[in-house]
Amino acid sequence: MTADYAGERESVIAASSGYNALETDLSKAITADQAVFESAASSGSGTLGPLAWVVIVTAVLMALGSAWAITRRLAEYR
């Protein structure tokens, strides 16, 4: 059995006079949501910039602390 999407869509449109209005409203809502998202994304794009340096410094300190702890542990076995 093959699907007849175009035919089924036309039968729905013919049966429902509000289908075109609904489709138009949905398109407008999607466009409005995309505009709000793009605005929020661009306004918050630099928010986490300073946090990168905190993460880098913390990672370096953790690596140095781990290296120091490993050398102390290895010194105990000698």
PDB file of N, CA and C in Angstrom:
ATOM      1  N   MET A   1       0.843  -1.166   0.000  1.00  0.00           N
ATOM      2  CA  MET A   1       0.000   0.000   0.000  1.00  0.00           C
ATOM      3  C   MET A   1       0.896   1.239   0.000  1.00  0.00           C
ATOM      4  N   THR A   2       0.675   2.130  -0.927  1.00  0.00           N
ATOM      5  CA  THR A   2       1.479   3.343  -1.006  1.00  0.00           C
ATOM      6  C   THR A   2       0.728   4.500  -0.372  1.00  0.00           C
ATOM      7  N   ALA A   3       1.498   5.429   0.190  1.00  0.00           N
ATOM      8  CA  ALA A   3       0.901   6.597   0.827  1.00  0.00           C
ATOM      9  C   ALA A   3       0.684   7.688  -0.209  1.00  0.00           C
ATOM     10  N   ASP A   4      -0.450   8.319  -0.111  1.00  0.00           N
ATOM     11  CA  ASP A   4      -0.781   9.434  -1.008  1.00  0.00           C
ATOM     12  C   ASP A   4      -0.849  10.691  -0.160  1.00  0.00           C
ATOM     13  N   TYR A   5       0.332  11.199   0.212  1.00  0.00           N
ATOM     14  CA  TYR A   5       0.406  12.347   1.106  1.00  0.00           C
ATOM     15  C   TYR A   5      -0.303  13.566   0.517  1.00  0.00           C
ATOM     16  N   ALA A   6      -0.019  13.861  -0.729  1.00  0.00           N
ATOM     17  CA  ALA A   6      -0.627  15.042  -1.354  1.00  0.00           C
ATOM     18  C   ALA A   6      -2.149  14.933  -1.376  1.00  0.00           C
ATOM     19  N   GLY A   7      -2.679  13.772  -1.740  1.00  0.00           N
ATOM     20  CA  GLY A   7      -4.119  13.570  -1.772  1.00  0.00           C
ATOM     21  C   GLY A   7      -4.747  13.654  -0.396  1.00  0.00           C
ATOM     22  N   GLU A   8      -4.073  13.077   0.599  1.00  0.00           N
ATOM     23  CA  GLU A   8      -4.598  13.121   1.966  1.00  0.00           C
ATOM     24  C   GLU A   8      -4.571  14.551   2.504  1.00  0.00           C
ATOM     25  N   ARG A   9      -3.521  15.281   2.192  1.00  0.00           N
ATOM     26  CA  ARG A   9      -3.434  16.676   2.625  1.00  0.00           C
ATOM     27  C   ARG A   9      -4.563  17.503   2.009  1.00  0.00           C
ATOM     28  N   GLU A  10      -4.809  17.289   0.753  1.00  0.00           N
ATOM     29  CA  GLU A  10      -5.892  18.025   0.080  1.00  0.00           C
ATOM     30  C   GLU A  10      -7.253  17.682   0.674  1.00  0.00           C
ATOM     31  N   SER A  11      -7.454  16.427   1.051  1.00  0.00           N
ATOM     32  CA  SER A  11      -8.744  16.062   1.652  1.00  0.00           C
ATOM     33  C   SER A  11      -8.906  16.693   3.027  1.00  0.00           C
ATOM     34  N   VAL A  12      -7.815  16.824   3.762  1.00  0.00           N
ATOM     35  CA  VAL A  12      -7.884  17.485   5.069  1.00  0.00           C
ATOM     36  C   VAL A  12      -8.172  18.966   4.884  1.00  0.00           C
ATOM     37  N   ILE A  13      -7.492  19.581   3.914  1.00  0.00           N
ATOM     38  CA  ILE A  13      -7.711  21.005   3.650  1.00  0.00           C
ATOM     39  C   ILE A  13      -9.156  21.251   3.235  1.00  0.00           C
ATOM     40  N   ALA A  14      -9.686  20.399   2.388  1.00  0.00           N
ATOM     41  CA  ALA A  14     -11.068  20.557   1.932  1.00  0.00           C
ATOM     42  C   ALA A  14     -12.052  20.349   3.081  1.00  0.00           C
ATOM     43  N   ALA A  15     -11.741  19.450   4.009  1.00  0.00           N
ATOM     44  CA  ALA A  15     -12.651  19.149   5.110  1.00  0.00           C
ATOM     45  C   ALA A  15     -12.584  20.201   6.204  1.00  0.00           C
ATOM     46  N   SER A  16     -11.484  20.892   6.308  1.00  0.00           N
ATOM     47  CA  SER A  16     -11.309  21.846   7.393  1.00  0.00           C
ATOM     48  C   SER A  16     -10.964  23.215   6.827  1.00  0.00           C
ATOM     49  N   SER A  17     -11.851  24.175   7.047  1.00  0.00           N
ATOM     50  CA  SER A  17     -11.602  25.515   6.520  1.00  0.00           C
ATOM     51  C   SER A  17     -10.540  26.240   7.334  1.00  0.00           C
ATOM     52  N   GLY A  18     -10.267  25.808   8.544  1.00  0.00           N
ATOM     53  CA  GLY A  18      -9.282  26.472   9.403  1.00  0.00           C
ATOM     54  C   GLY A  18      -7.874  25.949   9.240  1.00  0.00           C
ATOM     55  N   TYR A  19      -7.677  24.974   8.359  1.00  0.00           N
ATOM     56  CA  TYR A  19      -6.348  24.375   8.208  1.00  0.00           C
ATOM     57  C   TYR A  19      -5.332  25.400   7.738  1.00  0.00           C
ATOM     58  N   ASN A  20      -5.690  26.192   6.729  1.00  0.00           N
ATOM     59  CA  ASN A  20      -4.744  27.180   6.207  1.00  0.00           C
ATOM     60  C   ASN A  20      -4.411  28.228   7.256  1.00  0.00           C
ATOM     61  N   ALA A  21      -5.413  28.638   8.034  1.00  0.00           N
ATOM     62  CA  ALA A  21      -5.170  29.611   9.104  1.00  0.00           C
ATOM     63  C   ALA A  21      -4.247  29.018  10.160  1.00  0.00           C
ATOM     64  N   LEU A  22      -4.467  27.766  10.496  1.00  0.00           N
ATOM     65  CA  LEU A  22      -3.610  27.092  11.470  1.00  0.00           C
ATOM     66  C   LEU A  22      -2.186  26.987  10.959  1.00  0.00           C
ATOM     67  N   GLU A  23      -2.032  26.605   9.699  1.00  0.00           N
ATOM     68  CA  GLU A  23      -0.703  26.480   9.110  1.00  0.00           C
ATOM     69  C   GLU A  23       0.019  27.830   9.095  1.00  0.00           C
ATOM     70  N   THR A  24      -0.694  28.891   8.792  1.00  0.00           N
ATOM     71  CA  THR A  24      -0.117  30.232   8.800  1.00  0.00           C
ATOM     72  C   THR A  24       0.278  30.645  10.214  1.00  0.00           C
ATOM     73  N   ASP A  25      -0.583  30.389  11.181  1.00  0.00           N
ATOM     74  CA  ASP A  25      -0.278  30.733  12.569  1.00  0.00           C
ATOM     75  C   ASP A  25       0.928  29.967  13.089  1.00  0.00           C
ATOM     76  N   LEU A  26       1.023  28.692  12.732  1.00  0.00           N
ATOM     77  CA  LEU A  26       2.177  27.899  13.144  1.00  0.00           C
ATOM     78  C   LEU A  26       3.473  28.439  12.536  1.00  0.00           C
ATOM     79  N   SER A  27       3.413  28.815  11.280  1.00  0.00           N
ATOM     80  CA  SER A  27       4.597  29.384  10.628  1.00  0.00           C
ATOM     81  C   SER A  27       5.024  30.679  11.300  1.00  0.00           C
ATOM     82  N   LYS A  28       4.060  31.527  11.644  1.00  0.00           N
ATOM     83  CA  LYS A  28       4.367  32.781  12.336  1.00  0.00           C
ATOM     84  C   LYS A  28       4.958  32.517  13.717  1.00  0.00           C
ATOM     85  N   ALA A  29       4.407  31.543  14.427  1.00  0.00           N
ATOM     86  CA  ALA A  29       4.907  31.215  15.762  1.00  0.00           C
ATOM     87  C   ALA A  29       6.325  30.679  15.705  1.00  0.00           C
ATOM     88  N   ILE A  30       6.613  29.841  14.740  1.00  0.00           N
ATOM     89  CA  ILE A  30       7.971  29.302  14.586  1.00  0.00           C
ATOM     90  C   ILE A  30       8.949  30.418  14.274  1.00  0.00           C
ATOM     91  N   THR A  31       8.564  31.332  13.386  1.00  0.00           N
ATOM     92  CA  THR A  31       9.437  32.455  13.043  1.00  0.00           C
ATOM     93  C   THR A  31       9.679  33.341  14.259  1.00  0.00           C
ATOM     94  N   ALA A  32       8.646  33.616  15.038  1.00  0.00           N
ATOM     95  CA  ALA A  32       8.798  34.442  16.241  1.00  0.00           C
ATOM     96  C   ALA A  32       9.693  33.756  17.266  1.00  0.00           C
ATOM     97  N   ASP A  33       9.528  32.452  17.455  1.00  0.00           N
ATOM     98  CA  ASP A  33      10.364  31.714  18.399  1.00  0.00           C
ATOM     99  C   ASP A  33      11.826  31.720  17.961  1.00  0.00           C
ATOM    100  N   GLN A  34      12.073  31.580  16.677  1.00  0.00           N
ATOM    101  CA  GLN A  34      13.446  31.613  16.183  1.00  0.00           C
ATOM    102  C   GLN A  34      14.071  32.977  16.415  1.00  0.00           C
ATOM    103  N   ALA A  35      13.301  34.051  16.248  1.00  0.00           N
ATOM    104  CA  ALA A  35      13.822  35.400  16.482  1.00  0.00           C
ATOM    105  C   ALA A  35      14.165  35.605  17.953  1.00  0.00           C
ATOM    106  N   VAL A  36      13.300  35.125  18.837  1.00  0.00           N
ATOM    107  CA  VAL A  36      13.571  35.245  20.275  1.00  0.00           C
ATOM    108  C   VAL A  36      14.801  34.436  20.656  1.00  0.00           C
ATOM    109  N   PHE A  37      14.929  33.245  20.129  1.00  0.00           N
ATOM    110  CA  PHE A  37      16.093  32.411  20.430  1.00  0.00           C
ATOM    111  C   PHE A  37      17.376  33.056  19.944  1.00  0.00           C
ATOM    112  N   GLU A  38      17.374  33.559  18.704  1.00  0.00           N
ATOM    113  CA  GLU A  38      18.573  34.190  18.165  1.00  0.00           C
ATOM    114  C   GLU A  38      18.961  35.420  18.982  1.00  0.00           C
ATOM    115  N   SER A  39      17.988  36.184  19.424  1.00  0.00           N
ATOM    116  CA  SER A  39      18.259  37.363  20.245  1.00  0.00           C
ATOM    117  C   SER A  39      18.871  36.963  21.585  1.00  0.00           C
ATOM    118  N   ALA A  40      18.295  35.959  22.228  1.00  0.00           N
ATOM    119  CA  ALA A  40      18.804  35.506  23.522  1.00  0.00           C
ATOM    120  C   ALA A  40      20.187  34.879  23.380  1.00  0.00           C
ATOM    121  N   ALA A  41      20.397  34.128  22.319  1.00  0.00           N
ATOM    122  CA  ALA A  41      21.699  33.485  22.116  1.00  0.00           C
ATOM    123  C   ALA A  41      22.788  34.511  21.855  1.00  0.00           C
ATOM    124  N   SER A  42      22.487  35.535  21.069  1.00  0.00           N
ATOM    125  CA  SER A  42      23.510  36.538  20.778  1.00  0.00           C
ATOM    126  C   SER A  42      23.782  37.427  21.986  1.00  0.00           C
ATOM    127  N   SER A  43      22.773  37.692  22.813  1.00  0.00           N
ATOM    128  CA  SER A  43      23.005  38.532  23.988  1.00  0.00           C
ATOM    129  C   SER A  43      23.768  37.781  25.078  1.00  0.00           C
ATOM    130  N   GLY A  44      23.674  36.473  25.109  1.00  0.00           N
ATOM    131  CA  GLY A  44      24.374  35.698  26.131  1.00  0.00           C
ATOM    132  C   GLY A  44      25.622  35.010  25.638  1.00  0.00           C
ATOM    133  N   SER A  45      26.070  35.351  24.434  1.00  0.00           N
ATOM    134  CA  SER A  45      27.197  34.622  23.851  1.00  0.00           C
ATOM    135  C   SER A  45      28.507  34.826  24.603  1.00  0.00           C
ATOM    136  N   GLY A  46      28.725  35.968  25.218  1.00  0.00           N
ATOM    137  CA  GLY A  46      29.990  36.219  25.911  1.00  0.00           C
ATOM    138  C   GLY A  46      29.921  36.009  27.403  1.00  0.00           C
ATOM    139  N   THR A  47      28.836  35.453  27.883  1.00  0.00           N
ATOM    140  CA  THR A  47      28.627  35.319  29.320  1.00  0.00           C
ATOM    141  C   THR A  47      29.652  34.418  29.985  1.00  0.00           C
ATOM    142  N   LEU A  48      30.000  33.331  29.360  1.00  0.00           N
ATOM    143  CA  LEU A  48      30.905  32.364  29.988  1.00  0.00           C
ATOM    144  C   LEU A  48      32.367  32.568  29.599  1.00  0.00           C
ATOM    145  N   GLY A  49      32.686  33.644  28.906  1.00  0.00           N
ATOM    146  CA  GLY A  49      34.060  33.914  28.489  1.00  0.00           C
ATOM    147  C   GLY A  49      35.057  33.933  29.638  1.00  0.00           C
ATOM    148  N   PRO A  50      34.818  34.688  30.713  1.00  0.00           N
ATOM    149  CA  PRO A  50      35.765  34.722  31.832  1.00  0.00           C
ATOM    150  C   PRO A  50      35.901  33.374  32.541  1.00  0.00           C
ATOM    151  N   LEU A  51      34.878  32.559  32.455  1.00  0.00           N
ATOM    152  CA  LEU A  51      34.921  31.259  33.123  1.00  0.00           C
ATOM    153  C   LEU A  51      35.968  30.340  32.505  1.00  0.00           C
ATOM    154  N   ALA A  52      36.294  30.546  31.260  1.00  0.00           N
ATOM    155  CA  ALA A  52      37.294  29.693  30.592  1.00  0.00           C
ATOM    156  C   ALA A  52      38.632  29.781  31.306  1.00  0.00           C
ATOM    157  N   TRP A  53      39.027  30.985  31.698  1.00  0.00           N
ATOM    158  CA  TRP A  53      40.315  31.128  32.394  1.00  0.00           C
ATOM    159  C   TRP A  53      40.296  30.446  33.752  1.00  0.00           C
ATOM    160  N   VAL A  54      39.175  30.490  34.439  1.00  0.00           N
ATOM    161  CA  VAL A  54      39.057  29.816  35.732  1.00  0.00           C
ATOM    162  C   VAL A  54      39.223  28.309  35.549  1.00  0.00           C
ATOM    163  N   VAL A  55      38.614  27.763  34.519  1.00  0.00           N
ATOM    164  CA  VAL A  55      38.716  26.327  34.250  1.00  0.00           C
ATOM    165  C   VAL A  55      40.147  25.951  33.881  1.00  0.00           C
ATOM    166  N   ILE A  56      40.807  26.772  33.075  1.00  0.00           N
ATOM    167  CA  ILE A  56      42.190  26.491  32.666  1.00  0.00           C
ATOM    168  C   ILE A  56      43.114  26.517  33.874  1.00  0.00           C
ATOM    169  N   VAL A  57      43.016  27.550  34.708  1.00  0.00           N
ATOM    170  CA  VAL A  57      43.881  27.650  35.888  1.00  0.00           C
ATOM    171  C   VAL A  57      43.619  26.497  36.850  1.00  0.00           C
ATOM    172  N   THR A  58      42.366  26.167  37.054  1.00  0.00           N
ATOM    173  CA  THR A  58      42.029  25.051  37.946  1.00  0.00           C
ATOM    174  C   THR A  58      42.565  23.732  37.411  1.00  0.00           C
ATOM    175  N   ALA A  59      42.479  23.523  36.112  1.00  0.00           N
ATOM    176  CA  ALA A  59      42.997  22.287  35.517  1.00  0.00           C
ATOM    177  C   ALA A  59      44.508  22.188  35.678  1.00  0.00           C
ATOM    178  N   VAL A  60      45.200  23.301  35.488  1.00  0.00           N
ATOM    179  CA  VAL A  60      46.664  23.297  35.658  1.00  0.00           C
ATOM    180  C   VAL A  60      47.017  23.015  37.110  1.00  0.00           C
ATOM    181  N   LEU A  61      46.317  23.626  38.051  1.00  0.00           N
ATOM    182  CA  LEU A  61      46.580  23.369  39.469  1.00  0.00           C
ATOM    183  C   LEU A  61      46.301  21.914  39.838  1.00  0.00           C
ATOM    184  N   MET A  62      45.247  21.351  39.285  1.00  0.00           N
ATOM    185  CA  MET A  62      44.949  19.939  39.556  1.00  0.00           C
ATOM    186  C   MET A  62      46.032  19.031  38.986  1.00  0.00           C
ATOM    187  N   ALA A  63      46.512  19.352  37.778  1.00  0.00           N
ATOM    188  CA  ALA A  63      47.566  18.535  37.172  1.00  0.00           C
ATOM    189  C   ALA A  63      48.854  18.630  37.995  1.00  0.00           C
ATOM    190  N   LEU A  64      49.192  19.830  38.438  1.00  0.00           N
ATOM    191  CA  LEU A  64      50.394  19.985  39.266  1.00  0.00           C
ATOM    192  C   LEU A  64      50.243  19.259  40.600  1.00  0.00           C
ATOM    193  N   GLY A  65      49.087  19.353  41.212  1.00  0.00           N
ATOM    194  CA  GLY A  65      48.842  18.644  42.470  1.00  0.00           C
ATOM    195  C   GLY A  65      48.916  17.137  42.291  1.00  0.00           C
ATOM    196  N   SER A  66      48.389  16.637  41.202  1.00  0.00           N
ATOM    197  CA  SER A  66      48.453  15.194  40.944  1.00  0.00           C
ATOM    198  C   SER A  66      49.882  14.745  40.707  1.00  0.00           C
ATOM    199  N   ALA A  67      50.641  15.540  39.948  1.00  0.00           N
ATOM    200  CA  ALA A  67      52.042  15.188  39.694  1.00  0.00           C
ATOM    201  C   ALA A  67      52.838  15.187  40.998  1.00  0.00           C
ATOM    202  N   TRP A  68      52.603  16.171  41.847  1.00  0.00           N
ATOM    203  CA  TRP A  68      53.303  16.235  43.131  1.00  0.00           C
ATOM    204  C   TRP A  68      52.942  15.025  44.000  1.00  0.00           C
ATOM    205  N   ALA A  69      51.659  14.659  44.035  1.00  0.00           N
ATOM    206  CA  ALA A  69      51.218  13.522  44.841  1.00  0.00           C
ATOM    207  C   ALA A  69      51.806  12.217  44.322  1.00  0.00           C
ATOM    208  N   ILE A  70      51.897  12.081  43.007  1.00  0.00           N
ATOM    209  CA  ILE A  70      52.490  10.862  42.438  1.00  0.00           C
ATOM    210  C   ILE A  70      53.961  10.765  42.782  1.00  0.00           C
ATOM    211  N   THR A  71      54.685  11.888  42.710  1.00  0.00           N
ATOM    212  CA  THR A  71      56.122  11.838  43.060  1.00  0.00           C
ATOM    213  C   THR A  71      56.297  11.500  44.535  1.00  0.00           C
ATOM    214  N   ARG A  72      55.444  11.981  45.406  1.00  0.00           N
ATOM    215  CA  ARG A  72      55.534  11.645  46.837  1.00  0.00           C
ATOM    216  C   ARG A  72      55.258  10.162  47.057  1.00  0.00           C
ATOM    217  N   ARG A  73      54.259   9.635  46.351  1.00  0.00           N
ATOM    218  CA  ARG A  73      53.914   8.225  46.506  1.00  0.00           C
ATOM    219  C   ARG A  73      55.049   7.337  45.981  1.00  0.00           C
ATOM    220  N   LEU A  74      55.659   7.736  44.853  1.00  0.00           N
ATOM    221  CA  LEU A  74      56.772   6.961  44.298  1.00  0.00           C
ATOM    222  C   LEU A  74      57.983   7.028  45.224  1.00  0.00           C
ATOM    223  N   ALA A  75      58.166   8.150  45.890  1.00  0.00           N
ATOM    224  CA  ALA A  75      59.292   8.289  46.819  1.00  0.00           C
ATOM    225  C   ALA A  75      59.119   7.362  48.011  1.00  0.00           C
ATOM    226  N   GLU A  76      57.928   7.045  48.400  1.00  0.00           N
ATOM    227  CA  GLU A  76      57.676   6.133  49.527  1.00  0.00           C
ATOM    228  C   GLU A  76      58.107   4.710  49.174  1.00  0.00           C
ATOM    229  N   TYR A  77      58.064   4.347  47.909  1.00  0.00           N
ATOM    230  CA  TYR A  77      58.408   2.983  47.501  1.00  0.00           C
ATOM    231  C   TYR A  77      59.893   2.800  47.280  1.00  0.00           C
ATOM    232  N   ARG A  78      60.653   3.855  47.300  1.00  0.00           N
ATOM    233  CA  ARG A  78      62.114   3.724  47.060  1.00  0.00           C
ATOM    234  C   ARG A  78      62.855   3.434  48.305  1.00  0.00           C
TER     235      ARG A  78
END
